[in-house]
Amino acid sequence: MSNPTTSFFQALARRGHETALEEVVATIRFDLTHEKGVDRWFMVIERGDVRVSRDGGEADFVIHSSRATFDRIIGGQSQLYPAWLRNEIRTEGDVRLFRIASRLIPAAPGAHHPRDFGRERRRAA
């Protein structure tokens, strides 16, 4: 049975190339705990090409979280950075890659880019 996190990583693997990551060469591992153990997702980013697998060892950056917390983030009920500040997510390694990981997380439903929001406000005025 599929869950939001599994669906997210499968969709990310199908996308393949992310133009916003064309300057990035890195590995990121997500260690997501749940009642039956730990799910590990390993992501390799090579100049925009993104590969996702369940295999992988050492990574440049590791995100530790409960799967329930990550499901809420993927579902738009929470956000990655505030969850990190609340210590719901722990990290290790090259913390600069936190921003890269956050680029891959979908925006909350109904979210607007700040520039789009500003344009809408100016049109309404």
N, C-alpha and C. Protein backbone atom coordinates (compact mmCIF):
# COMPACT_ATOMS: atom_id res chain seq x y z
N MET A 1 0.85 -1.18 0.00
CA MET A 1 0.00 0.00 0.00
C MET A 1 0.89 1.24 0.00
N SER A 2 0.49 2.23 -0.78
CA SER A 2 1.27 3.44 -0.92
C SER A 2 0.91 4.45 0.17
N ASN A 3 1.90 5.23 0.57
CA ASN A 3 1.66 6.32 1.51
C ASN A 3 2.17 7.60 0.85
N PRO A 4 1.88 8.76 1.42
CA PRO A 4 2.30 10.02 0.78
C PRO A 4 3.80 10.12 0.53
N THR A 5 4.60 9.64 1.46
CA THR A 5 6.05 9.72 1.29
C THR A 5 6.52 8.85 0.14
N THR A 6 6.03 7.62 0.09
CA THR A 6 6.40 6.72 -1.01
C THR A 6 5.98 7.32 -2.35
N SER A 7 4.77 7.83 -2.42
CA SER A 7 4.27 8.45 -3.65
C SER A 7 5.14 9.64 -4.05
N PHE A 8 5.55 10.45 -3.07
CA PHE A 8 6.41 11.60 -3.35
C PHE A 8 7.73 11.17 -3.97
N PHE A 9 8.41 10.19 -3.35
CA PHE A 9 9.71 9.77 -3.87
C PHE A 9 9.58 9.08 -5.22
N GLN A 10 8.52 8.32 -5.44
CA GLN A 10 8.31 7.70 -6.74
C GLN A 10 8.08 8.76 -7.82
N ALA A 11 7.30 9.79 -7.50
CA ALA A 11 7.06 10.87 -8.47
C ALA A 11 8.34 11.65 -8.74
N LEU A 12 9.13 11.89 -7.70
CA LEU A 12 10.39 12.59 -7.87
C LEU A 12 11.33 11.80 -8.78
N ALA A 13 11.37 10.50 -8.63
CA ALA A 13 12.22 9.66 -9.48
C ALA A 13 11.76 9.72 -10.94
N ARG A 14 10.46 9.80 -11.17
CA ARG A 14 9.94 9.87 -12.54
C ARG A 14 10.24 11.22 -13.20
N ARG A 15 10.33 12.28 -12.41
CA ARG A 15 10.62 13.61 -12.98
C ARG A 15 12.01 13.64 -13.59
N GLY A 16 12.96 13.01 -12.96
CA GLY A 16 14.30 12.89 -13.52
C GLY A 16 15.17 14.13 -13.45
N HIS A 17 14.88 15.15 -14.24
CA HIS A 17 15.74 16.34 -14.31
C HIS A 17 15.02 17.54 -13.71
N GLU A 18 15.73 18.23 -12.82
CA GLU A 18 15.22 19.44 -12.17
C GLU A 18 16.11 20.61 -12.58
N THR A 19 15.58 21.52 -13.39
CA THR A 19 16.40 22.63 -13.87
C THR A 19 16.90 23.51 -12.74
N ALA A 20 16.16 23.59 -11.64
CA ALA A 20 16.59 24.42 -10.50
C ALA A 20 17.81 23.84 -9.80
N LEU A 21 18.18 22.61 -10.12
CA LEU A 21 19.31 21.95 -9.44
C LEU A 21 20.49 21.70 -10.39
N GLU A 22 20.57 22.42 -11.48
CA GLU A 22 21.61 22.15 -12.47
C GLU A 22 23.02 22.45 -11.99
N GLU A 23 23.17 23.17 -10.91
CA GLU A 23 24.50 23.47 -10.36
C GLU A 23 24.85 22.54 -9.20
N VAL A 24 24.00 21.58 -8.89
CA VAL A 24 24.15 20.76 -7.68
C VAL A 24 24.69 19.38 -8.02
N VAL A 25 25.67 18.96 -7.23
CA VAL A 25 26.16 17.58 -7.22
C VAL A 25 26.19 17.17 -5.76
N ALA A 26 25.28 16.29 -5.36
CA ALA A 26 25.17 15.94 -3.94
C ALA A 26 24.37 14.66 -3.76
N THR A 27 24.49 14.11 -2.56
CA THR A 27 23.66 12.97 -2.16
C THR A 27 22.92 13.35 -0.88
N ILE A 28 21.65 13.01 -0.83
CA ILE A 28 20.81 13.30 0.33
C ILE A 28 20.08 12.02 0.71
N ARG A 29 20.12 11.71 1.99
CA ARG A 29 19.41 10.52 2.47
C ARG A 29 18.33 10.95 3.46
N PHE A 30 17.17 10.35 3.34
CA PHE A 30 16.06 10.60 4.25
C PHE A 30 15.87 9.33 5.08
N ASP A 31 16.05 9.41 6.39
CA ASP A 31 15.81 8.30 7.31
C ASP A 31 14.51 8.58 8.04
N LEU A 32 13.47 7.85 7.70
CA LEU A 32 12.13 8.12 8.21
C LEU A 32 11.68 6.96 9.10
N THR A 33 11.54 7.24 10.38
CA THR A 33 11.18 6.19 11.34
C THR A 33 9.67 6.01 11.41
N HIS A 34 9.27 4.79 11.71
CA HIS A 34 7.86 4.46 11.93
C HIS A 34 7.81 3.26 12.85
N GLU A 35 6.61 2.80 13.17
CA GLU A 35 6.44 1.74 14.17
C GLU A 35 7.14 0.43 13.79
N LYS A 36 7.40 0.19 12.52
CA LYS A 36 8.02 -1.06 12.09
C LYS A 36 9.50 -0.94 11.78
N GLY A 37 10.07 0.26 11.94
CA GLY A 37 11.49 0.42 11.66
C GLY A 37 11.81 1.76 11.03
N VAL A 38 12.73 1.72 10.05
CA VAL A 38 13.19 2.94 9.39
C VAL A 38 13.13 2.73 7.88
N ASP A 39 12.52 3.68 7.19
CA ASP A 39 12.55 3.70 5.72
C ASP A 39 13.67 4.64 5.32
N ARG A 40 14.53 4.17 4.42
CA ARG A 40 15.62 5.01 3.92
C ARG A 40 15.39 5.29 2.45
N TRP A 41 15.45 6.56 2.11
CA TRP A 41 15.37 6.99 0.72
C TRP A 41 16.67 7.72 0.41
N PHE A 42 17.29 7.34 -0.67
CA PHE A 42 18.58 7.88 -1.05
C PHE A 42 18.42 8.63 -2.37
N MET A 43 18.88 9.87 -2.40
CA MET A 43 18.74 10.70 -3.57
C MET A 43 20.13 11.15 -4.05
N VAL A 44 20.38 10.95 -5.33
CA VAL A 44 21.62 11.41 -5.95
C VAL A 44 21.24 12.52 -6.92
N ILE A 45 21.87 13.67 -6.76
CA ILE A 45 21.62 14.80 -7.64
C ILE A 45 22.93 15.08 -8.37
N GLU A 46 22.89 14.99 -9.70
CA GLU A 46 24.07 15.26 -10.52
C GLU A 46 23.70 16.27 -11.60
N ARG A 47 24.00 17.52 -11.32
CA ARG A 47 23.76 18.62 -12.25
C ARG A 47 22.32 18.61 -12.78
N GLY A 48 21.38 18.48 -11.86
CA GLY A 48 19.97 18.53 -12.20
C GLY A 48 19.31 17.18 -12.40
N ASP A 49 20.11 16.16 -12.69
CA ASP A 49 19.55 14.82 -12.85
C ASP A 49 19.36 14.22 -11.46
N VAL A 50 18.14 13.82 -11.15
CA VAL A 50 17.82 13.30 -9.82
C VAL A 50 17.47 11.82 -9.94
N ARG A 51 18.17 11.02 -9.14
CA ARG A 51 17.88 9.59 -9.06
C ARG A 51 17.50 9.28 -7.61
N VAL A 52 16.48 8.47 -7.45
CA VAL A 52 15.99 8.11 -6.12
C VAL A 52 16.00 6.60 -6.01
N SER A 53 16.47 6.10 -4.87
CA SER A 53 16.46 4.66 -4.63
C SER A 53 16.28 4.39 -3.15
N ARG A 54 16.10 3.14 -2.83
CA ARG A 54 16.03 2.72 -1.44
C ARG A 54 17.41 2.25 -0.97
N ASP A 55 18.34 2.13 -1.91
CA ASP A 55 19.70 1.70 -1.59
C ASP A 55 20.58 2.93 -1.40
N GLY A 56 21.58 2.78 -0.65
CA GLY A 56 22.52 3.87 -0.48
C GLY A 56 23.03 3.90 0.95
N GLY A 57 24.24 4.32 1.09
CA GLY A 57 24.85 4.37 2.41
C GLY A 57 25.10 5.78 2.85
N GLU A 58 26.35 6.16 2.83
CA GLU A 58 26.76 7.49 3.27
C GLU A 58 26.19 8.54 2.31
N ALA A 59 25.88 9.69 2.88
CA ALA A 59 25.34 10.79 2.07
C ALA A 59 25.97 12.09 2.55
N ASP A 60 25.93 13.09 1.68
CA ASP A 60 26.45 14.41 2.03
C ASP A 60 25.57 15.07 3.10
N PHE A 61 24.29 14.73 3.08
CA PHE A 61 23.33 15.33 4.00
C PHE A 61 22.26 14.30 4.34
N VAL A 62 21.91 14.20 5.61
CA VAL A 62 20.91 13.23 6.05
C VAL A 62 19.82 13.97 6.82
N ILE A 63 18.57 13.66 6.49
CA ILE A 63 17.42 14.18 7.22
C ILE A 63 16.79 13.03 7.99
N HIS A 64 16.69 13.20 9.31
CA HIS A 64 16.05 12.21 10.18
C HIS A 64 14.70 12.76 10.61
N SER A 65 13.66 11.95 10.46
CA SER A 65 12.32 12.39 10.83
C SER A 65 11.45 11.16 11.03
N SER A 66 10.31 11.37 11.66
CA SER A 66 9.32 10.29 11.67
C SER A 66 8.63 10.33 10.30
N ARG A 67 8.16 9.17 9.87
CA ARG A 67 7.45 9.14 8.59
C ARG A 67 6.16 9.95 8.69
N ALA A 68 5.52 9.95 9.85
CA ALA A 68 4.29 10.73 10.04
C ALA A 68 4.55 12.23 9.83
N THR A 69 5.65 12.73 10.38
CA THR A 69 6.00 14.14 10.19
C THR A 69 6.26 14.42 8.71
N PHE A 70 7.01 13.55 8.06
CA PHE A 70 7.32 13.76 6.65
C PHE A 70 6.06 13.67 5.79
N ASP A 71 5.14 12.77 6.14
CA ASP A 71 3.86 12.68 5.43
C ASP A 71 3.10 14.00 5.53
N ARG A 72 3.13 14.63 6.71
CA ARG A 72 2.46 15.93 6.88
C ARG A 72 3.13 17.00 6.02
N ILE A 73 4.44 16.96 5.93
CA ILE A 73 5.17 17.94 5.12
C ILE A 73 4.82 17.75 3.65
N ILE A 74 4.86 16.51 3.18
CA ILE A 74 4.54 16.22 1.79
C ILE A 74 3.09 16.58 1.47
N GLY A 75 2.21 16.38 2.44
CA GLY A 75 0.79 16.68 2.25
C GLY A 75 0.43 18.14 2.37
N GLY A 76 1.39 18.98 2.75
CA GLY A 76 1.14 20.41 2.84
C GLY A 76 0.60 20.88 4.18
N GLN A 77 0.48 19.98 5.18
CA GLN A 77 0.00 20.39 6.49
C GLN A 77 1.11 20.97 7.36
N SER A 78 2.35 20.78 6.97
CA SER A 78 3.50 21.30 7.70
C SER A 78 4.55 21.69 6.67
N GLN A 79 5.59 22.36 7.11
CA GLN A 79 6.68 22.75 6.22
C GLN A 79 8.00 22.26 6.78
N LEU A 80 8.95 22.03 5.89
CA LEU A 80 10.23 21.45 6.27
C LEU A 80 11.00 22.32 7.26
N TYR A 81 11.18 23.59 6.95
CA TYR A 81 11.99 24.44 7.81
C TYR A 81 11.38 24.63 9.20
N PRO A 82 10.09 24.96 9.33
CA PRO A 82 9.51 25.07 10.68
C PRO A 82 9.57 23.75 11.46
N ALA A 83 9.42 22.62 10.77
CA ALA A 83 9.53 21.32 11.45
C ALA A 83 10.94 21.13 11.99
N TRP A 84 11.93 21.60 11.26
CA TRP A 84 13.32 21.52 11.71
C TRP A 84 13.52 22.40 12.95
N LEU A 85 12.94 23.59 12.94
CA LEU A 85 13.06 24.49 14.09
C LEU A 85 12.37 23.91 15.33
N ARG A 86 11.28 23.16 15.12
CA ARG A 86 10.57 22.52 16.24
C ARG A 86 11.24 21.22 16.67
N ASN A 87 12.36 20.89 16.03
CA ASN A 87 13.11 19.66 16.32
C ASN A 87 12.32 18.40 15.98
N GLU A 88 11.39 18.51 15.05
CA GLU A 88 10.69 17.33 14.53
C GLU A 88 11.54 16.65 13.46
N ILE A 89 12.50 17.41 12.94
CA ILE A 89 13.45 16.92 11.95
C ILE A 89 14.85 17.22 12.47
N ARG A 90 15.72 16.21 12.37
CA ARG A 90 17.13 16.42 12.71
C ARG A 90 17.93 16.23 11.43
N THR A 91 19.06 16.90 11.36
CA THR A 91 19.90 16.79 10.17
C THR A 91 21.35 16.53 10.57
N GLU A 92 22.08 15.99 9.63
CA GLU A 92 23.53 15.84 9.80
C GLU A 92 24.20 15.98 8.45
N GLY A 93 25.41 16.46 8.47
CA GLY A 93 26.15 16.64 7.23
C GLY A 93 26.14 18.09 6.77
N ASP A 94 26.27 18.28 5.48
CA ASP A 94 26.37 19.60 4.87
C ASP A 94 25.01 20.30 4.90
N VAL A 95 24.82 21.14 5.90
CA VAL A 95 23.52 21.78 6.13
C VAL A 95 23.11 22.69 4.97
N ARG A 96 24.03 23.09 4.13
CA ARG A 96 23.66 23.89 2.95
C ARG A 96 22.72 23.13 2.03
N LEU A 97 22.75 21.81 2.12
CA LEU A 97 21.88 20.99 1.27
C LEU A 97 20.44 20.95 1.78
N PHE A 98 20.20 21.50 2.97
CA PHE A 98 18.83 21.59 3.48
C PHE A 98 17.97 22.40 2.51
N ARG A 99 18.52 23.48 2.00
CA ARG A 99 17.80 24.34 1.05
C ARG A 99 17.51 23.58 -0.24
N ILE A 100 18.44 22.76 -0.68
CA ILE A 100 18.24 21.96 -1.89
C ILE A 100 17.09 20.98 -1.66
N ALA A 101 17.12 20.30 -0.52
CA ALA A 101 16.05 19.34 -0.20
C ALA A 101 14.70 20.04 -0.15
N SER A 102 14.67 21.24 0.41
CA SER A 102 13.40 21.95 0.54
C SER A 102 12.84 22.36 -0.82
N ARG A 103 13.69 22.55 -1.81
CA ARG A 103 13.22 22.88 -3.17
C ARG A 103 12.43 21.73 -3.79
N LEU A 104 12.70 20.54 -3.35
CA LEU A 104 12.05 19.36 -3.93
C LEU A 104 10.69 19.06 -3.31
N ILE A 105 10.42 19.66 -2.16
CA ILE A 105 9.17 19.41 -1.45
C ILE A 105 8.07 20.25 -2.11
N PRO A 106 6.93 19.65 -2.40
CA PRO A 106 5.86 20.44 -3.03
C PRO A 106 5.33 21.52 -2.09
N ALA A 107 4.87 22.60 -2.68
CA ALA A 107 4.27 23.69 -1.90
C ALA A 107 2.92 23.25 -1.35
N ALA A 108 2.52 23.87 -0.28
CA ALA A 108 1.22 23.56 0.30
C ALA A 108 0.12 23.89 -0.70
N PRO A 109 -0.97 23.14 -0.70
CA PRO A 109 -2.07 23.45 -1.61
C PRO A 109 -2.55 24.88 -1.41
N GLY A 110 -2.72 25.59 -2.51
CA GLY A 110 -3.19 26.97 -2.43
C GLY A 110 -2.09 27.99 -2.17
N ALA A 111 -0.84 27.53 -2.08
CA ALA A 111 0.27 28.46 -1.82
C ALA A 111 0.55 29.31 -3.06
N HIS A 112 0.99 30.53 -2.84
CA HIS A 112 1.32 31.45 -3.93
C HIS A 112 2.78 31.82 -3.82
N HIS A 113 3.42 31.99 -4.95
CA HIS A 113 4.76 32.54 -4.96
C HIS A 113 4.65 33.99 -4.53
N PRO A 114 5.58 34.51 -3.72
CA PRO A 114 5.46 35.90 -3.24
C PRO A 114 5.30 36.92 -4.35
N ARG A 115 5.96 36.73 -5.47
CA ARG A 115 5.83 37.70 -6.58
C ARG A 115 4.42 37.66 -7.16
N ASP A 116 3.87 36.44 -7.32
CA ASP A 116 2.50 36.33 -7.82
C ASP A 116 1.52 36.98 -6.86
N PHE A 117 1.72 36.79 -5.57
CA PHE A 117 0.85 37.38 -4.56
C PHE A 117 0.90 38.90 -4.65
N GLY A 118 2.10 39.46 -4.82
CA GLY A 118 2.25 40.91 -4.94
C GLY A 118 1.56 41.44 -6.18
N ARG A 119 1.68 40.73 -7.29
CA ARG A 119 1.02 41.16 -8.53
C ARG A 119 -0.50 41.17 -8.36
N GLU A 120 -1.03 40.13 -7.72
CA GLU A 120 -2.47 40.06 -7.49
C GLU A 120 -2.94 41.21 -6.62
N ARG A 121 -2.15 41.54 -5.60
CA ARG A 121 -2.53 42.65 -4.71
C ARG A 121 -2.54 43.98 -5.46
N ARG A 122 -1.53 44.19 -6.34
CA ARG A 122 -1.48 45.44 -7.09
C ARG A 122 -2.64 45.55 -8.07
N ARG A 123 -3.03 44.43 -8.70
CA ARG A 123 -4.15 44.45 -9.63
C ARG A 123 -5.46 44.76 -8.90
N ALA A 124 -5.60 44.24 -7.69
CA ALA A 124 -6.83 44.44 -6.92
C ALA A 124 -6.95 45.87 -6.40
N ALA A 125 -5.82 46.55 -6.27
CA ALA A 125 -5.84 47.92 -5.69
C ALA A 125 -6.27 48.96 -6.67
